[in-house]
Amino acid sequence: MNHIISQKIGFIKLLEVTESVTLKQLSDDMELELCDIFKKRDQRYTAVRILKLLSQTGELNQKQIANRLDLSEATTSRIINRLHDYVIKTRGTKNTWLVSLR
């Protein structure tokens, strides 16, 4: 039955969904989850930007995240440390932290 339905309407590709969902929509969707972690709205928005970047790229170190999102390394580190339910940090080479989604 599902196969027949999918033939009629076509498959929705993950890439199409990812590209069509805006940061604003993600931020609004995660508002309640993140408001317990981040009191300021701009911090929640930055957290969503980091999570979206990691979902698109996989594992990055904190410096790469900061550079790609034009954030300071200190801000990036603080946000990532508070996202412990969403990300995994592992020790990389040369005293760096690698970050990926759980």
C-alpha atoms as a PDB file:
ATOM      1  CA  MET A   1       0.000   0.000   0.000  1.00  0.00           C
ATOM      2  CA  ASN A   2       2.735   2.493   0.979  1.00  0.00           C
ATOM      3  CA  HIS A   3       4.616   1.616  -2.195  1.00  0.00           C
ATOM      4  CA  ILE A   4       1.553   2.511  -4.310  1.00  0.00           C
ATOM      5  CA  ILE A   5       1.118   5.839  -2.492  1.00  0.00           C
ATOM      6  CA  SER A   6       4.775   6.728  -2.879  1.00  0.00           C
ATOM      7  CA  GLN A   7       4.593   6.023  -6.623  1.00  0.00           C
ATOM      8  CA  LYS A   8       1.729   8.469  -7.000  1.00  0.00           C
ATOM      9  CA  ILE A   9       3.138  11.356  -4.977  1.00  0.00           C
ATOM     10  CA  GLY A  10       6.859  10.647  -5.277  1.00  0.00           C
ATOM     11  CA  PHE A  11       9.487  10.434  -2.583  1.00  0.00           C
ATOM     12  CA  ILE A  12      10.474  13.416  -0.515  1.00  0.00           C
ATOM     13  CA  LYS A  13      14.234  13.529  -0.339  1.00  0.00           C
ATOM     14  CA  LEU A  14      15.982  14.442   2.901  1.00  0.00           C
ATOM     15  CA  LEU A  15      18.003  17.099   1.086  1.00  0.00           C
ATOM     16  CA  GLU A  16      14.802  18.779  -0.146  1.00  0.00           C
ATOM     17  CA  VAL A  17      13.429  18.920   3.386  1.00  0.00           C
ATOM     18  CA  THR A  18      16.691  20.194   4.865  1.00  0.00           C
ATOM     19  CA  GLU A  19      16.996  22.935   2.281  1.00  0.00           C
ATOM     20  CA  SER A  20      13.381  24.051   2.615  1.00  0.00           C
ATOM     21  CA  VAL A  21      13.321  24.345   6.420  1.00  0.00           C
ATOM     22  CA  THR A  22      14.651  27.757   7.411  1.00  0.00           C
ATOM     23  CA  LEU A  23      16.648  28.603  10.524  1.00  0.00           C
ATOM     24  CA  LYS A  24      13.683  30.657  11.719  1.00  0.00           C
ATOM     25  CA  GLN A  25      11.376  27.642  11.436  1.00  0.00           C
ATOM     26  CA  LEU A  26      13.874  25.424  13.265  1.00  0.00           C
ATOM     27  CA  SER A  27      14.377  28.048  15.934  1.00  0.00           C
ATOM     28  CA  ASP A  28      10.622  28.442  16.447  1.00  0.00           C
ATOM     29  CA  ASP A  29      10.187  24.667  16.559  1.00  0.00           C
ATOM     30  CA  MET A  30      12.908  24.193  19.181  1.00  0.00           C
ATOM     31  CA  GLU A  31      11.939  27.252  21.246  1.00  0.00           C
ATOM     32  CA  LEU A  32      10.365  25.353  24.141  1.00  0.00           C
ATOM     33  CA  GLU A  33      13.142  22.768  24.314  1.00  0.00           C
ATOM     34  CA  LEU A  34      15.929  25.318  24.311  1.00  0.00           C
ATOM     35  CA  CYS A  35      14.356  27.992  26.535  1.00  0.00           C
ATOM     36  CA  ASP A  36      15.239  25.923  29.606  1.00  0.00           C
ATOM     37  CA  ILE A  37      18.884  25.851  28.506  1.00  0.00           C
ATOM     38  CA  PHE A  38      19.259  29.363  27.072  1.00  0.00           C
ATOM     39  CA  LYS A  39      17.393  32.286  28.585  1.00  0.00           C
ATOM     40  CA  LYS A  40      18.220  34.694  25.745  1.00  0.00           C
ATOM     41  CA  ARG A  41      16.576  34.278  22.349  1.00  0.00           C
ATOM     42  CA  ASP A  42      19.786  35.093  20.447  1.00  0.00           C
ATOM     43  CA  GLN A  43      21.571  32.278  22.287  1.00  0.00           C
ATOM     44  CA  ARG A  44      18.809  29.847  21.287  1.00  0.00           C
ATOM     45  CA  TYR A  45      19.096  30.992  17.680  1.00  0.00           C
ATOM     46  CA  THR A  46      22.871  30.499  17.754  1.00  0.00           C
ATOM     47  CA  ALA A  47      22.390  27.024  19.221  1.00  0.00           C
ATOM     48  CA  VAL A  48      20.030  26.136  16.372  1.00  0.00           C
ATOM     49  CA  ARG A  49      22.566  27.435  13.838  1.00  0.00           C
ATOM     50  CA  ILE A  50      25.237  25.191  15.378  1.00  0.00           C
ATOM     51  CA  LEU A  51      22.937  22.158  15.396  1.00  0.00           C
ATOM     52  CA  LYS A  52      21.900  22.724  11.792  1.00  0.00           C
ATOM     53  CA  LEU A  53      25.530  23.097  10.707  1.00  0.00           C
ATOM     54  CA  LEU A  54      26.449  19.837  12.446  1.00  0.00           C
ATOM     55  CA  SER A  55      23.507  18.057  10.819  1.00  0.00           C
ATOM     56  CA  GLN A  56      24.782  19.156   7.408  1.00  0.00           C
ATOM     57  CA  THR A  57      28.503  18.586   7.909  1.00  0.00           C
ATOM     58  CA  GLY A  58      28.905  15.904  10.543  1.00  0.00           C
ATOM     59  CA  GLU A  59      31.812  16.233  12.943  1.00  0.00           C
ATOM     60  CA  LEU A  60      33.663  19.566  13.202  1.00  0.00           C
ATOM     61  CA  ASN A  61      35.993  21.053  15.757  1.00  0.00           C
ATOM     62  CA  GLN A  62      34.891  24.104  17.731  1.00  0.00           C
ATOM     63  CA  LYS A  63      37.162  26.444  15.772  1.00  0.00           C
ATOM     64  CA  GLN A  64      35.667  25.275  12.464  1.00  0.00           C
ATOM     65  CA  ILE A  65      32.156  25.847  13.812  1.00  0.00           C
ATOM     66  CA  ALA A  66      33.095  29.335  15.010  1.00  0.00           C
ATOM     67  CA  ASN A  67      34.666  30.215  11.652  1.00  0.00           C
ATOM     68  CA  ARG A  68      31.789  28.887   9.550  1.00  0.00           C
ATOM     69  CA  LEU A  69      29.168  30.708  11.604  1.00  0.00           C
ATOM     70  CA  ASP A  70      31.232  33.863  12.167  1.00  0.00           C
ATOM     71  CA  LEU A  71      31.165  33.446  15.949  1.00  0.00           C
ATOM     72  CA  SER A  72      33.869  33.896  18.538  1.00  0.00           C
ATOM     73  CA  GLU A  73      35.447  30.684  19.768  1.00  0.00           C
ATOM     74  CA  ALA A  74      34.411  31.578  23.331  1.00  0.00           C
ATOM     75  CA  THR A  75      30.742  31.958  22.360  1.00  0.00           C
ATOM     76  CA  THR A  76      30.861  28.734  20.361  1.00  0.00           C
ATOM     77  CA  SER A  77      32.394  26.871  23.295  1.00  0.00           C
ATOM     78  CA  ARG A  78      29.813  28.181  25.798  1.00  0.00           C
ATOM     79  CA  ILE A  79      26.872  27.264  23.555  1.00  0.00           C
ATOM     80  CA  ILE A  80      28.244  23.795  22.756  1.00  0.00           C
ATOM     81  CA  ASN A  81      28.926  23.058  26.436  1.00  0.00           C
ATOM     82  CA  ARG A  82      25.279  23.732  27.218  1.00  0.00           C
ATOM     83  CA  LEU A  83      24.060  21.551  24.337  1.00  0.00           C
ATOM     84  CA  HIS A  84      25.317  18.355  26.004  1.00  0.00           C
ATOM     85  CA  ASP A  85      21.954  16.610  25.418  1.00  0.00           C
ATOM     86  CA  TYR A  86      22.247  17.274  21.680  1.00  0.00           C
ATOM     87  CA  VAL A  87      25.949  16.927  20.882  1.00  0.00           C
ATOM     88  CA  ILE A  88      28.914  14.710  21.670  1.00  0.00           C
ATOM     89  CA  LYS A  89      32.338  16.235  22.338  1.00  0.00           C
ATOM     90  CA  THR A  90      35.447  14.128  21.883  1.00  0.00           C
ATOM     91  CA  ARG A  91      39.065  15.092  22.298  1.00  0.00           C
ATOM     92  CA  GLY A  92      40.731  15.709  18.954  1.00  0.00           C
ATOM     93  CA  THR A  93      44.350  16.288  18.075  1.00  0.00           C
ATOM     94  CA  LYS A  94      46.380  19.249  19.320  1.00  0.00           C
ATOM     95  CA  ASN A  95      44.044  19.970  22.245  1.00  0.00           C
ATOM     96  CA  THR A  96      40.926  20.520  20.129  1.00  0.00           C
ATOM     97  CA  TRP A  97      37.385  19.338  20.765  1.00  0.00           C
ATOM     98  CA  LEU A  98      35.474  17.555  18.009  1.00  0.00           C
ATOM     99  CA  VAL A  99      31.732  18.048  18.072  1.00  0.00           C
ATOM    100  CA  SER A 100      29.015  15.938  16.443  1.00  0.00           C
ATOM    101  CA  LEU A 101      25.291  15.361  16.916  1.00  0.00           C
ATOM    102  CA  ARG A 102      24.095  12.640  19.268  1.00  0.00           C
END
